[in-house]
Amino acid sequence: MIAPDLDCGNDLMLINPNVDRDAPIATKWMQGSVGQQTQRSMGIPPQDIHEHTLAESRDLFEDFISTQDEIVWTIQYKGKIGGVIEVGMNRNIAPEEQSPSLSIMIGDVSLRGKGVGSRAMRRVIEYLFAEGYPEVNARYLIDNDASRAMNKSVGMQETGRSYVDEDGLEWQNVRVQAID
């Protein structure tokens, strides 16, 4: 689903993905030990972690662009592509939830820990509230301290207890609600 570009201020933009621009960059993010750690922190099961090919990255970005129940932006900071933020419009974290679910990946390690992810998340949450959604959901791996801190910094609150998925990964659901 195509959404408008979002200006987050201070040289941070959320822009529509472009296969030719973004796939080669994303492929590099998934290489070597850093790429393996990135995939682990995203919740990729250990048996599925691998070095992505350009063809796989191209397919992923083509899916991002063509899927009607997701909104995806590429994160651009100071003109440099640094990550991806995705909103699943019909892919709810918990079956009883009817709100969009948010996920983010800062692939460029030089941008991690600098507030880029939390600023991008905050802007997407604002956009979704303006579009009439009363709440936004997300989840993070229990052992991903950076993701936990980022979710907390944007106002996400834990919903229920953590749970273990079919791959043995432990997750915590979180939610932020619009203020009336």
N, C-alpha and C. Protein backbone atom coordinates (compact mmCIF):
# COMPACT_ATOMS: atom_id res chain seq x y z
N MET A 1 0.84 -1.16 0.00
CA MET A 1 0.00 0.00 0.00
C MET A 1 0.90 1.24 0.00
N ILE A 2 0.62 2.14 -0.85
CA ILE A 2 1.41 3.37 -0.95
C ILE A 2 0.87 4.40 0.04
N ALA A 3 1.75 5.01 0.78
CA ALA A 3 1.39 6.06 1.72
C ALA A 3 2.25 7.28 1.41
N PRO A 4 1.86 8.42 1.92
CA PRO A 4 2.67 9.61 1.65
C PRO A 4 4.02 9.53 2.36
N ASP A 5 5.01 10.19 1.76
CA ASP A 5 6.28 10.35 2.46
C ASP A 5 6.01 11.14 3.73
N LEU A 6 6.74 10.83 4.79
CA LEU A 6 6.56 11.52 6.07
C LEU A 6 7.86 12.19 6.49
N ASP A 7 7.79 13.46 6.78
CA ASP A 7 8.94 14.22 7.25
C ASP A 7 8.98 14.14 8.76
N CYS A 8 10.05 13.62 9.30
CA CYS A 8 10.20 13.49 10.74
C CYS A 8 11.01 14.64 11.33
N GLY A 9 11.46 15.56 10.49
CA GLY A 9 12.29 16.68 10.94
C GLY A 9 13.74 16.28 11.11
N ASN A 10 14.61 17.28 11.20
CA ASN A 10 16.04 17.06 11.43
C ASN A 10 16.66 16.02 10.51
N ASP A 11 16.42 16.17 9.21
CA ASP A 11 17.04 15.32 8.19
C ASP A 11 16.57 13.87 8.19
N LEU A 12 15.44 13.58 8.79
CA LEU A 12 14.90 12.23 8.81
C LEU A 12 13.59 12.20 8.02
N MET A 13 13.55 11.32 7.00
CA MET A 13 12.37 11.17 6.15
C MET A 13 11.98 9.70 6.09
N LEU A 14 10.69 9.47 5.98
CA LEU A 14 10.17 8.15 5.68
C LEU A 14 9.64 8.23 4.27
N ILE A 15 10.24 7.45 3.38
CA ILE A 15 9.92 7.54 1.96
C ILE A 15 9.47 6.18 1.45
N ASN A 16 8.75 6.21 0.34
CA ASN A 16 8.28 4.96 -0.25
C ASN A 16 9.48 4.14 -0.73
N PRO A 17 9.39 2.83 -0.56
CA PRO A 17 10.50 1.98 -1.00
C PRO A 17 10.66 1.99 -2.51
N ASN A 18 11.88 1.77 -2.93
CA ASN A 18 12.23 1.68 -4.34
C ASN A 18 13.16 0.47 -4.50
N VAL A 19 12.74 -0.49 -5.28
CA VAL A 19 13.47 -1.76 -5.40
C VAL A 19 14.92 -1.52 -5.83
N ASP A 20 15.12 -0.75 -6.89
CA ASP A 20 16.48 -0.56 -7.41
C ASP A 20 17.38 0.18 -6.43
N ARG A 21 16.83 1.10 -5.67
CA ARG A 21 17.62 1.86 -4.70
C ARG A 21 17.86 1.05 -3.43
N ASP A 22 16.81 0.41 -2.91
CA ASP A 22 16.85 -0.15 -1.57
C ASP A 22 17.35 -1.59 -1.47
N ALA A 23 17.08 -2.42 -2.45
CA ALA A 23 17.45 -3.84 -2.36
C ALA A 23 18.97 -4.04 -2.20
N PRO A 24 19.81 -3.35 -2.99
CA PRO A 24 21.26 -3.56 -2.80
C PRO A 24 21.74 -3.14 -1.40
N ILE A 25 21.14 -2.08 -0.86
CA ILE A 25 21.53 -1.62 0.47
C ILE A 25 21.09 -2.64 1.52
N ALA A 26 19.85 -3.10 1.43
CA ALA A 26 19.33 -4.07 2.39
C ALA A 26 20.11 -5.38 2.33
N THR A 27 20.56 -5.77 1.16
CA THR A 27 21.35 -6.99 1.03
C THR A 27 22.62 -6.88 1.87
N LYS A 28 23.27 -5.73 1.84
CA LYS A 28 24.49 -5.52 2.62
C LYS A 28 24.21 -5.59 4.12
N TRP A 29 23.02 -5.12 4.55
CA TRP A 29 22.68 -5.16 5.98
C TRP A 29 22.63 -6.58 6.51
N MET A 30 22.34 -7.54 5.65
CA MET A 30 22.13 -8.92 6.08
C MET A 30 23.34 -9.82 5.87
N GLN A 31 24.52 -9.22 5.71
CA GLN A 31 25.73 -9.97 5.46
C GLN A 31 26.58 -10.08 6.73
N GLY A 32 27.33 -11.16 6.83
CA GLY A 32 28.31 -11.34 7.91
C GLY A 32 27.69 -11.47 9.28
N SER A 33 28.55 -11.35 10.29
CA SER A 33 28.09 -11.52 11.67
C SER A 33 27.12 -10.42 12.09
N VAL A 34 27.31 -9.21 11.59
CA VAL A 34 26.38 -8.12 11.91
C VAL A 34 25.00 -8.42 11.32
N GLY A 35 24.97 -8.93 10.10
CA GLY A 35 23.70 -9.31 9.48
C GLY A 35 23.01 -10.43 10.23
N GLN A 36 23.79 -11.38 10.73
CA GLN A 36 23.21 -12.47 11.52
C GLN A 36 22.61 -11.94 12.81
N GLN A 37 23.32 -11.03 13.48
CA GLN A 37 22.81 -10.44 14.72
C GLN A 37 21.57 -9.60 14.44
N THR A 38 21.56 -8.88 13.33
CA THR A 38 20.38 -8.09 12.95
C THR A 38 19.18 -9.01 12.77
N GLN A 39 19.37 -10.10 12.08
CA GLN A 39 18.27 -11.03 11.86
C GLN A 39 17.79 -11.65 13.18
N ARG A 40 18.72 -11.98 14.07
CA ARG A 40 18.33 -12.51 15.39
C ARG A 40 17.49 -11.48 16.15
N SER A 41 17.92 -10.22 16.13
CA SER A 41 17.21 -9.19 16.88
C SER A 41 15.83 -8.90 16.29
N MET A 42 15.62 -9.25 15.03
CA MET A 42 14.32 -9.08 14.38
C MET A 42 13.37 -10.24 14.69
N GLY A 43 13.91 -11.31 15.26
CA GLY A 43 13.08 -12.46 15.58
C GLY A 43 13.05 -13.51 14.49
N ILE A 44 14.06 -13.50 13.63
CA ILE A 44 14.17 -14.55 12.62
C ILE A 44 14.64 -15.82 13.34
N PRO A 45 13.93 -16.91 13.18
CA PRO A 45 14.35 -18.16 13.83
C PRO A 45 15.77 -18.55 13.40
N PRO A 46 16.55 -19.10 14.31
CA PRO A 46 17.95 -19.43 14.00
C PRO A 46 18.12 -20.25 12.72
N GLN A 47 17.22 -21.19 12.47
CA GLN A 47 17.35 -22.04 11.28
C GLN A 47 17.10 -21.27 9.98
N ASP A 48 16.52 -20.06 10.06
CA ASP A 48 16.23 -19.27 8.87
C ASP A 48 17.21 -18.12 8.64
N ILE A 49 18.17 -17.94 9.54
CA ILE A 49 19.15 -16.86 9.39
C ILE A 49 20.16 -17.25 8.32
N HIS A 50 20.33 -16.34 7.36
CA HIS A 50 21.29 -16.58 6.28
C HIS A 50 21.65 -15.25 5.63
N GLU A 51 22.70 -15.27 4.84
CA GLU A 51 23.09 -14.07 4.10
C GLU A 51 22.15 -13.92 2.92
N HIS A 52 21.47 -12.81 2.87
CA HIS A 52 20.49 -12.59 1.81
C HIS A 52 21.18 -12.27 0.48
N THR A 53 20.58 -12.75 -0.58
CA THR A 53 21.06 -12.42 -1.92
C THR A 53 20.34 -11.17 -2.40
N LEU A 54 20.88 -10.57 -3.44
CA LEU A 54 20.22 -9.41 -4.03
C LEU A 54 18.83 -9.80 -4.54
N ALA A 55 18.70 -10.98 -5.12
CA ALA A 55 17.40 -11.43 -5.62
C ALA A 55 16.38 -11.53 -4.49
N GLU A 56 16.79 -12.06 -3.33
CA GLU A 56 15.88 -12.14 -2.19
C GLU A 56 15.46 -10.75 -1.72
N SER A 57 16.41 -9.84 -1.65
CA SER A 57 16.10 -8.48 -1.22
C SER A 57 15.17 -7.79 -2.22
N ARG A 58 15.42 -7.99 -3.50
CA ARG A 58 14.54 -7.42 -4.52
C ARG A 58 13.11 -7.96 -4.37
N ASP A 59 12.99 -9.28 -4.16
CA ASP A 59 11.66 -9.88 -3.96
C ASP A 59 10.97 -9.29 -2.75
N LEU A 60 11.71 -9.10 -1.68
CA LEU A 60 11.15 -8.54 -0.46
C LEU A 60 10.61 -7.13 -0.70
N PHE A 61 11.39 -6.29 -1.36
CA PHE A 61 10.95 -4.92 -1.63
C PHE A 61 9.80 -4.88 -2.63
N GLU A 62 9.80 -5.78 -3.59
CA GLU A 62 8.66 -5.86 -4.51
C GLU A 62 7.39 -6.24 -3.77
N ASP A 63 7.52 -7.16 -2.81
CA ASP A 63 6.37 -7.52 -1.96
C ASP A 63 5.91 -6.33 -1.14
N PHE A 64 6.85 -5.59 -0.55
CA PHE A 64 6.50 -4.39 0.22
C PHE A 64 5.63 -3.45 -0.61
N ILE A 65 6.05 -3.25 -1.85
CA ILE A 65 5.37 -2.28 -2.70
C ILE A 65 4.00 -2.77 -3.15
N SER A 66 3.87 -4.05 -3.39
CA SER A 66 2.62 -4.57 -3.96
C SER A 66 1.58 -5.01 -2.94
N THR A 67 1.98 -5.27 -1.71
CA THR A 67 1.04 -5.77 -0.71
C THR A 67 0.08 -4.68 -0.28
N GLN A 68 -1.20 -5.00 -0.32
CA GLN A 68 -2.24 -4.01 -0.01
C GLN A 68 -2.56 -3.90 1.48
N ASP A 69 -2.13 -4.85 2.30
CA ASP A 69 -2.46 -4.77 3.72
C ASP A 69 -1.27 -4.35 4.57
N GLU A 70 -0.27 -3.74 3.94
CA GLU A 70 0.88 -3.21 4.66
C GLU A 70 1.24 -1.85 4.10
N ILE A 71 1.74 -1.01 4.98
CA ILE A 71 2.37 0.24 4.57
C ILE A 71 3.83 0.12 4.94
N VAL A 72 4.70 0.40 4.01
CA VAL A 72 6.14 0.28 4.27
C VAL A 72 6.82 1.58 3.82
N TRP A 73 7.69 2.05 4.69
CA TRP A 73 8.53 3.20 4.35
C TRP A 73 9.99 2.79 4.49
N THR A 74 10.81 3.36 3.66
CA THR A 74 12.26 3.27 3.82
C THR A 74 12.67 4.46 4.68
N ILE A 75 13.54 4.22 5.63
CA ILE A 75 14.02 5.28 6.52
C ILE A 75 15.25 5.92 5.88
N GLN A 76 15.17 7.22 5.68
CA GLN A 76 16.27 7.97 5.07
C GLN A 76 16.73 9.04 6.07
N TYR A 77 18.00 8.97 6.44
CA TYR A 77 18.55 9.94 7.38
C TYR A 77 19.75 10.63 6.75
N LYS A 78 19.66 11.95 6.66
CA LYS A 78 20.70 12.76 6.02
C LYS A 78 21.03 12.23 4.62
N GLY A 79 19.98 11.84 3.89
CA GLY A 79 20.14 11.37 2.52
C GLY A 79 20.57 9.92 2.39
N LYS A 80 20.78 9.24 3.49
CA LYS A 80 21.29 7.86 3.49
C LYS A 80 20.16 6.91 3.90
N ILE A 81 19.97 5.83 3.14
CA ILE A 81 18.98 4.82 3.49
C ILE A 81 19.50 4.03 4.69
N GLY A 82 18.68 3.98 5.76
CA GLY A 82 19.16 3.37 6.99
C GLY A 82 18.31 2.27 7.58
N GLY A 83 17.11 2.07 7.04
CA GLY A 83 16.25 1.04 7.61
C GLY A 83 14.90 1.00 6.94
N VAL A 84 14.01 0.23 7.54
CA VAL A 84 12.67 0.04 7.01
C VAL A 84 11.69 0.05 8.18
N ILE A 85 10.54 0.67 7.98
CA ILE A 85 9.49 0.63 8.98
C ILE A 85 8.21 0.15 8.29
N GLU A 86 7.53 -0.78 8.93
CA GLU A 86 6.39 -1.46 8.30
C GLU A 86 5.19 -1.42 9.24
N VAL A 87 4.02 -1.21 8.65
CA VAL A 87 2.77 -1.26 9.40
C VAL A 87 1.91 -2.34 8.76
N GLY A 88 1.63 -3.38 9.53
CA GLY A 88 0.72 -4.43 9.08
C GLY A 88 -0.70 -4.00 9.41
N MET A 89 -1.49 -3.74 8.38
CA MET A 89 -2.84 -3.23 8.60
C MET A 89 -3.81 -4.35 8.97
N ASN A 90 -3.57 -5.56 8.51
CA ASN A 90 -4.46 -6.68 8.81
C ASN A 90 -3.70 -7.84 9.44
N ARG A 91 -2.46 -7.63 9.77
CA ARG A 91 -1.64 -8.68 10.39
C ARG A 91 -1.44 -8.29 11.85
N ASN A 92 -2.38 -8.68 12.65
CA ASN A 92 -2.35 -8.28 14.05
C ASN A 92 -1.45 -9.21 14.85
N ILE A 93 -0.81 -8.63 15.83
CA ILE A 93 0.10 -9.38 16.68
C ILE A 93 -0.68 -10.40 17.51
N ALA A 94 -1.81 -9.99 18.02
CA ALA A 94 -2.69 -10.89 18.77
C ALA A 94 -4.00 -11.00 18.00
N PRO A 95 -4.54 -12.20 17.86
CA PRO A 95 -5.75 -12.38 17.05
C PRO A 95 -6.92 -11.50 17.47
N GLU A 96 -7.00 -11.17 18.75
CA GLU A 96 -8.12 -10.36 19.21
C GLU A 96 -7.94 -8.86 18.90
N GLU A 97 -6.77 -8.47 18.47
CA GLU A 97 -6.50 -7.06 18.19
C GLU A 97 -6.97 -6.69 16.78
N GLN A 98 -7.49 -5.49 16.64
CA GLN A 98 -7.93 -4.99 15.33
C GLN A 98 -7.20 -3.71 14.96
N SER A 99 -6.05 -3.51 15.53
CA SER A 99 -5.27 -2.31 15.29
C SER A 99 -4.04 -2.63 14.45
N PRO A 100 -3.49 -1.62 13.78
CA PRO A 100 -2.28 -1.86 13.00
C PRO A 100 -1.12 -2.27 13.90
N SER A 101 -0.23 -3.07 13.34
CA SER A 101 0.97 -3.49 14.06
C SER A 101 2.20 -2.91 13.38
N LEU A 102 3.11 -2.41 14.18
CA LEU A 102 4.27 -1.67 13.72
C LEU A 102 5.53 -2.49 13.95
N SER A 103 6.41 -2.52 12.94
CA SER A 103 7.73 -3.12 13.13
C SER A 103 8.76 -2.25 12.43
N ILE A 104 9.96 -2.30 12.94
CA ILE A 104 11.03 -1.44 12.41
C ILE A 104 12.34 -2.21 12.42
N MET A 105 13.19 -1.89 11.45
CA MET A 105 14.53 -2.44 11.40
C MET A 105 15.48 -1.34 10.98
N ILE A 106 16.42 -1.03 11.84
CA ILE A 106 17.50 -0.10 11.49
C ILE A 106 18.65 -0.98 11.03
N GLY A 107 18.80 -1.08 9.72
CA GLY A 107 19.81 -1.96 9.15
C GLY A 107 21.21 -1.39 9.20
N ASP A 108 21.32 -0.07 9.07
CA ASP A 108 22.62 0.59 9.07
C ASP A 108 23.07 0.74 10.52
N VAL A 109 24.07 -0.03 10.92
CA VAL A 109 24.50 -0.03 12.32
C VAL A 109 25.00 1.34 12.78
N SER A 110 25.47 2.18 11.85
CA SER A 110 25.95 3.50 12.25
C SER A 110 24.82 4.42 12.71
N LEU A 111 23.57 4.03 12.42
CA LEU A 111 22.42 4.85 12.82
C LEU A 111 21.73 4.32 14.08
N ARG A 112 22.16 3.19 14.56
CA ARG A 112 21.54 2.61 15.77
C ARG A 112 21.95 3.40 17.01
N GLY A 113 21.00 3.53 17.92
CA GLY A 113 21.28 4.21 19.18
C GLY A 113 21.32 5.72 19.08
N LYS A 114 20.88 6.28 17.97
CA LYS A 114 20.92 7.73 17.77
C LYS A 114 19.53 8.36 17.73
N GLY A 115 18.50 7.59 18.05
CA GLY A 115 17.15 8.12 18.07
C GLY A 115 16.43 8.10 16.73
N VAL A 116 17.08 7.58 15.70
CA VAL A 116 16.46 7.52 14.37
C VAL A 116 15.23 6.63 14.41
N GLY A 117 15.35 5.45 15.00
CA GLY A 117 14.23 4.52 15.05
C GLY A 117 13.06 5.05 15.85
N SER A 118 13.34 5.62 17.01
CA SER A 118 12.24 6.12 17.84
C SER A 118 11.56 7.32 17.18
N ARG A 119 12.31 8.17 16.52
CA ARG A 119 11.69 9.31 15.81
C ARG A 119 10.83 8.81 14.66
N ALA A 120 11.30 7.80 13.93
CA ALA A 120 10.52 7.24 12.83
C ALA A 120 9.24 6.59 13.37
N MET A 121 9.37 5.83 14.45
CA MET A 121 8.18 5.20 15.04
C MET A 121 7.18 6.24 15.50
N ARG A 122 7.67 7.27 16.18
CA ARG A 122 6.78 8.32 16.68
C ARG A 122 6.00 8.96 15.53
N ARG A 123 6.67 9.22 14.42
CA ARG A 123 6.01 9.86 13.28
C ARG A 123 4.96 8.94 12.66
N VAL A 124 5.25 7.65 12.54
CA VAL A 124 4.28 6.71 11.99
C VAL A 124 3.08 6.58 12.93
N ILE A 125 3.31 6.54 14.22
CA ILE A 125 2.21 6.48 15.18
C ILE A 125 1.32 7.72 15.03
N GLU A 126 1.93 8.89 14.92
CA GLU A 126 1.16 10.13 14.71
C GLU A 126 0.32 10.02 13.44
N TYR A 127 0.92 9.52 12.37
CA TYR A 127 0.22 9.36 11.10
C TYR A 127 -0.98 8.43 11.27
N LEU A 128 -0.78 7.30 11.93
CA LEU A 128 -1.88 6.34 12.11
C LEU A 128 -3.00 6.91 12.99
N PHE A 129 -2.64 7.64 14.03
CA PHE A 129 -3.67 8.28 14.86
C PHE A 129 -4.46 9.29 14.02
N ALA A 130 -3.76 10.07 13.19
CA ALA A 130 -4.44 11.05 12.33
C ALA A 130 -5.36 10.37 11.32
N GLU A 131 -5.02 9.14 10.94
CA GLU A 131 -5.85 8.37 10.01
C GLU A 131 -7.04 7.71 10.72
N GLY A 132 -7.15 7.90 12.03
CA GLY A 132 -8.31 7.41 12.77
C GLY A 132 -8.13 6.12 13.54
N TYR A 133 -6.94 5.57 13.57
CA TYR A 133 -6.71 4.36 14.35
C TYR A 133 -6.53 4.75 15.82
N PRO A 134 -7.28 4.13 16.73
CA PRO A 134 -7.22 4.52 18.15
C PRO A 134 -6.00 3.96 18.89
N GLU A 135 -5.35 2.94 18.33
CA GLU A 135 -4.17 2.38 18.97
C GLU A 135 -3.29 1.71 17.93
N VAL A 136 -2.04 1.52 18.32
CA VAL A 136 -1.05 0.87 17.46
C VAL A 136 -0.34 -0.17 18.32
N ASN A 137 -0.14 -1.35 17.77
CA ASN A 137 0.52 -2.46 18.46
C ASN A 137 1.91 -2.70 17.88
N ALA A 138 2.73 -3.34 18.69
CA ALA A 138 4.06 -3.79 18.26
C ALA A 138 4.43 -4.96 19.16
N ARG A 139 5.58 -5.53 18.91
CA ARG A 139 6.13 -6.54 19.80
C ARG A 139 7.64 -6.49 19.67
N TYR A 140 8.32 -7.02 20.68
CA TYR A 140 9.77 -7.10 20.63
C TYR A 140 10.22 -8.38 21.32
N LEU A 141 11.40 -8.83 20.92
CA LEU A 141 12.00 -9.99 21.59
C LEU A 141 12.41 -9.57 23.00
N ILE A 142 12.11 -10.40 23.96
CA ILE A 142 12.39 -10.10 25.36
C ILE A 142 13.86 -9.75 25.58
N ASP A 143 14.78 -10.40 24.87
CA ASP A 143 16.21 -10.14 25.09
C ASP A 143 16.76 -9.01 24.21
N ASN A 144 15.89 -8.28 23.51
CA ASN A 144 16.33 -7.16 22.67
C ASN A 144 16.12 -5.87 23.45
N ASP A 145 17.13 -5.51 24.25
CA ASP A 145 17.04 -4.33 25.11
C ASP A 145 16.85 -3.03 24.33
N ALA A 146 17.49 -2.92 23.18
CA ALA A 146 17.36 -1.70 22.38
C ALA A 146 15.92 -1.52 21.90
N SER A 147 15.31 -2.60 21.45
CA SER A 147 13.93 -2.53 20.98
C SER A 147 12.97 -2.23 22.14
N ARG A 148 13.23 -2.84 23.27
CA ARG A 148 12.41 -2.57 24.47
C ARG A 148 12.47 -1.08 24.81
N ALA A 149 13.67 -0.51 24.85
CA ALA A 149 13.83 0.90 25.19
C ALA A 149 13.18 1.80 24.14
N MET A 150 13.32 1.46 22.86
CA MET A 150 12.73 2.27 21.80
C MET A 150 11.21 2.26 21.91
N ASN A 151 10.62 1.09 22.12
CA ASN A 151 9.16 1.01 22.26
C ASN A 151 8.69 1.82 23.46
N LYS A 152 9.40 1.74 24.56
CA LYS A 152 9.03 2.51 25.75
C LYS A 152 9.14 4.01 25.47
N SER A 153 10.16 4.42 24.74
CA SER A 153 10.38 5.85 24.49
C SER A 153 9.27 6.47 23.64
N VAL A 154 8.55 5.66 22.87
CA VAL A 154 7.46 6.20 22.04
C VAL A 154 6.10 6.00 22.71
N GLY A 155 6.11 5.59 23.97
CA GLY A 155 4.86 5.47 24.72
C GLY A 155 4.20 4.11 24.71
N MET A 156 4.86 3.12 24.12
CA MET A 156 4.30 1.78 24.10
C MET A 156 4.31 1.21 25.52
N GLN A 157 3.22 0.51 25.85
CA GLN A 157 3.11 -0.14 27.15
C GLN A 157 2.88 -1.63 26.95
N GLU A 158 3.44 -2.42 27.83
CA GLU A 158 3.29 -3.87 27.74
C GLU A 158 1.82 -4.26 27.89
N THR A 159 1.42 -5.24 27.08
CA THR A 159 0.06 -5.77 27.16
C THR A 159 0.17 -7.26 27.48
N GLY A 160 -0.18 -7.62 28.68
CA GLY A 160 -0.12 -9.01 29.06
C GLY A 160 1.29 -9.50 29.34
N ARG A 161 1.39 -10.79 29.46
CA ARG A 161 2.66 -11.44 29.75
C ARG A 161 3.40 -11.77 28.46
N SER A 162 4.68 -11.97 28.59
CA SER A 162 5.46 -12.40 27.43
C SER A 162 5.01 -13.81 27.05
N TYR A 163 5.34 -14.19 25.82
CA TYR A 163 4.96 -15.52 25.33
C TYR A 163 6.07 -16.07 24.45
N VAL A 164 6.08 -17.37 24.31
CA VAL A 164 7.06 -18.05 23.47
C VAL A 164 6.35 -18.54 22.22
N ASP A 165 6.91 -18.21 21.06
CA ASP A 165 6.28 -18.62 19.80
C ASP A 165 6.71 -20.04 19.41
N GLU A 166 6.23 -20.50 18.27
CA GLU A 166 6.50 -21.87 17.81
C GLU A 166 7.97 -22.13 17.51
N ASP A 167 8.78 -21.05 17.36
CA ASP A 167 10.21 -21.21 17.11
C ASP A 167 11.03 -21.12 18.40
N GLY A 168 10.34 -20.99 19.54
CA GLY A 168 11.04 -20.91 20.82
C GLY A 168 11.52 -19.51 21.17
N LEU A 169 11.08 -18.49 20.43
CA LEU A 169 11.49 -17.11 20.70
C LEU A 169 10.48 -16.47 21.65
N GLU A 170 11.00 -15.74 22.65
CA GLU A 170 10.13 -15.11 23.64
C GLU A 170 9.87 -13.64 23.26
N TRP A 171 8.60 -13.28 23.17
CA TRP A 171 8.14 -11.96 22.72
C TRP A 171 7.34 -11.26 23.81
N GLN A 172 7.29 -9.93 23.70
CA GLN A 172 6.41 -9.12 24.53
C GLN A 172 5.60 -8.22 23.61
N ASN A 173 4.28 -8.28 23.73
CA ASN A 173 3.41 -7.37 22.98
C ASN A 173 3.34 -6.03 23.70
N VAL A 174 3.24 -4.97 22.92
CA VAL A 174 3.12 -3.60 23.46
C VAL A 174 2.08 -2.84 22.64
N ARG A 175 1.58 -1.77 23.23
CA ARG A 175 0.54 -0.98 22.57
C ARG A 175 0.64 0.48 23.03
N VAL A 176 0.29 1.38 22.11
CA VAL A 176 0.12 2.78 22.46
C VAL A 176 -1.26 3.20 21.97
N GLN A 177 -1.95 3.97 22.81
CA GLN A 177 -3.29 4.42 22.47
C GLN A 177 -3.31 5.92 22.24
N ALA A 178 -4.17 6.33 21.32
CA ALA A 178 -4.35 7.76 21.04
C ALA A 178 -4.99 8.43 22.26
N ILE A 179 -4.60 9.63 22.49
CA ILE A 179 -5.20 10.41 23.58
C ILE A 179 -6.34 11.22 22.97
N ASP A 180 -7.53 11.03 23.54
CA ASP A 180 -8.71 11.76 23.02
C ASP A 180 -8.65 13.23 23.32
